[in-house]
């Protein structure tokens, strides 16, 4: 498993992690399993996912907050 972290998020809310496929953006199976931490020094939230991928840098991901 590899860690995938998104930083600089201004609010804390439930998020969705998506991966780009040939068919378009699809919700990742790990999307429901994340850790969110507040970075007081940068005054932002960070969301981390543990991904079962040998090299997550070969993939395109996007993270968005749910309304």
C-alpha atoms as a PDB file:
ATOM      1  CA  UNK A   1       0.000   0.000   0.000  1.00  0.00           C
ATOM      2  CA  UNK A   2       1.125   3.534  -0.775  1.00  0.00           C
ATOM      3  CA  UNK A   3       0.109   6.754   0.960  1.00  0.00           C
ATOM      4  CA  UNK A   4      -1.626   9.383  -1.136  1.00  0.00           C
ATOM      5  CA  UNK A   5      -2.131  12.779   0.559  1.00  0.00           C
ATOM      6  CA  UNK A   6      -4.022  15.879  -0.562  1.00  0.00           C
ATOM      7  CA  UNK A   7      -3.100  19.100   1.240  1.00  0.00           C
ATOM      8  CA  UNK A   8      -4.221  22.710   1.335  1.00  0.00           C
ATOM      9  CA  UNK A   9      -7.917  21.957   1.839  1.00  0.00           C
ATOM     10  CA  UNK A  10      -9.675  24.847   3.574  1.00  0.00           C
ATOM     11  CA  UNK A  11     -12.648  23.012   5.129  1.00  0.00           C
ATOM     12  CA  UNK A  12     -13.267  19.609   6.628  1.00  0.00           C
ATOM     13  CA  UNK A  13     -16.035  17.613   5.035  1.00  0.00           C
ATOM     14  CA  UNK A  14     -16.579  14.123   3.705  1.00  0.00           C
ATOM     15  CA  UNK A  15     -14.463  13.645   0.612  1.00  0.00           C
ATOM     16  CA  UNK A  16     -14.408  11.526  -2.524  1.00  0.00           C
ATOM     17  CA  UNK A  17     -11.281  10.162  -4.156  1.00  0.00           C
ATOM     18  CA  UNK A  18     -11.486   9.463  -7.881  1.00  0.00           C
ATOM     19  CA  UNK A  19      -9.096   7.836 -10.345  1.00  0.00           C
ATOM     20  CA  UNK A  20      -8.957   8.604 -14.056  1.00  0.00           C
ATOM     21  CA  UNK A  21      -9.688   5.613 -16.281  1.00  0.00           C
ATOM     22  CA  UNK A  22     -10.200   5.193 -20.012  1.00  0.00           C
ATOM     23  CA  UNK A  23     -13.932   5.569 -19.318  1.00  0.00           C
ATOM     24  CA  UNK A  24     -13.488   8.808 -17.333  1.00  0.00           C
ATOM     25  CA  UNK A  25     -13.306   9.592 -13.608  1.00  0.00           C
ATOM     26  CA  UNK A  26     -14.378   6.738 -11.310  1.00  0.00           C
ATOM     27  CA  UNK A  27     -14.738   6.632  -7.531  1.00  0.00           C
ATOM     28  CA  UNK A  28     -11.849   4.707  -5.937  1.00  0.00           C
ATOM     29  CA  UNK A  29     -12.606   1.691  -3.802  1.00  0.00           C
ATOM     30  CA  UNK A  30     -10.533   3.290  -1.015  1.00  0.00           C
ATOM     31  CA  UNK A  31     -12.541   6.536  -1.190  1.00  0.00           C
ATOM     32  CA  UNK A  32     -14.371   5.834   2.086  1.00  0.00           C
ATOM     33  CA  UNK A  33     -11.193   5.026   4.026  1.00  0.00           C
ATOM     34  CA  UNK A  34      -9.097   8.091   4.741  1.00  0.00           C
ATOM     35  CA  UNK A  35      -7.556  10.040   7.550  1.00  0.00           C
ATOM     36  CA  UNK A  36      -8.040  13.785   7.842  1.00  0.00           C
ATOM     37  CA  UNK A  37      -5.703  15.938   9.896  1.00  0.00           C
ATOM     38  CA  UNK A  38      -5.562  19.655  10.535  1.00  0.00           C
ATOM     39  CA  UNK A  39      -2.181  21.230   9.817  1.00  0.00           C
ATOM     40  CA  UNK A  40      -2.114  24.164  12.255  1.00  0.00           C
ATOM     41  CA  UNK A  41       1.108  25.537  10.812  1.00  0.00           C
ATOM     42  CA  UNK A  42      -0.367  25.822   7.308  1.00  0.00           C
ATOM     43  CA  UNK A  43      -3.953  26.333   8.586  1.00  0.00           C
ATOM     44  CA  UNK A  44      -5.434  23.712   6.283  1.00  0.00           C
ATOM     45  CA  UNK A  45      -6.743  20.164   6.229  1.00  0.00           C
ATOM     46  CA  UNK A  46      -4.864  17.183   4.814  1.00  0.00           C
ATOM     47  CA  UNK A  47      -6.583  14.010   3.607  1.00  0.00           C
ATOM     48  CA  UNK A  48      -4.545  10.792   3.358  1.00  0.00           C
ATOM     49  CA  UNK A  49      -5.494   7.547   1.659  1.00  0.00           C
ATOM     50  CA  UNK A  50      -3.742   4.184   1.716  1.00  0.00           C
ATOM     51  CA  UNK A  51      -3.808   2.919  -1.847  1.00  0.00           C
ATOM     52  CA  UNK A  52      -3.210  -0.696  -2.947  1.00  0.00           C
ATOM     53  CA  UNK A  53      -1.124   0.380  -5.945  1.00  0.00           C
ATOM     54  CA  UNK A  54       2.524  -0.489  -6.644  1.00  0.00           C
ATOM     55  CA  UNK A  55       3.205   3.047  -7.919  1.00  0.00           C
ATOM     56  CA  UNK A  56       0.423   5.638  -7.446  1.00  0.00           C
ATOM     57  CA  UNK A  57       2.467   8.211  -9.419  1.00  0.00           C
ATOM     58  CA  UNK A  58       1.481   6.360 -12.620  1.00  0.00           C
ATOM     59  CA  UNK A  59      -2.179   7.285 -12.077  1.00  0.00           C
ATOM     60  CA  UNK A  60      -4.222  10.490 -12.126  1.00  0.00           C
ATOM     61  CA  UNK A  61      -6.276  11.128  -9.004  1.00  0.00           C
ATOM     62  CA  UNK A  62      -8.572  13.903  -7.927  1.00  0.00           C
ATOM     63  CA  UNK A  63     -10.104  14.638  -4.564  1.00  0.00           C
ATOM     64  CA  UNK A  64     -13.245  16.643  -3.964  1.00  0.00           C
ATOM     65  CA  UNK A  65     -15.383  17.450  -0.996  1.00  0.00           C
ATOM     66  CA  UNK A  66     -19.022  16.408  -0.887  1.00  0.00           C
ATOM     67  CA  UNK A  67     -21.658  19.080  -0.322  1.00  0.00           C
END
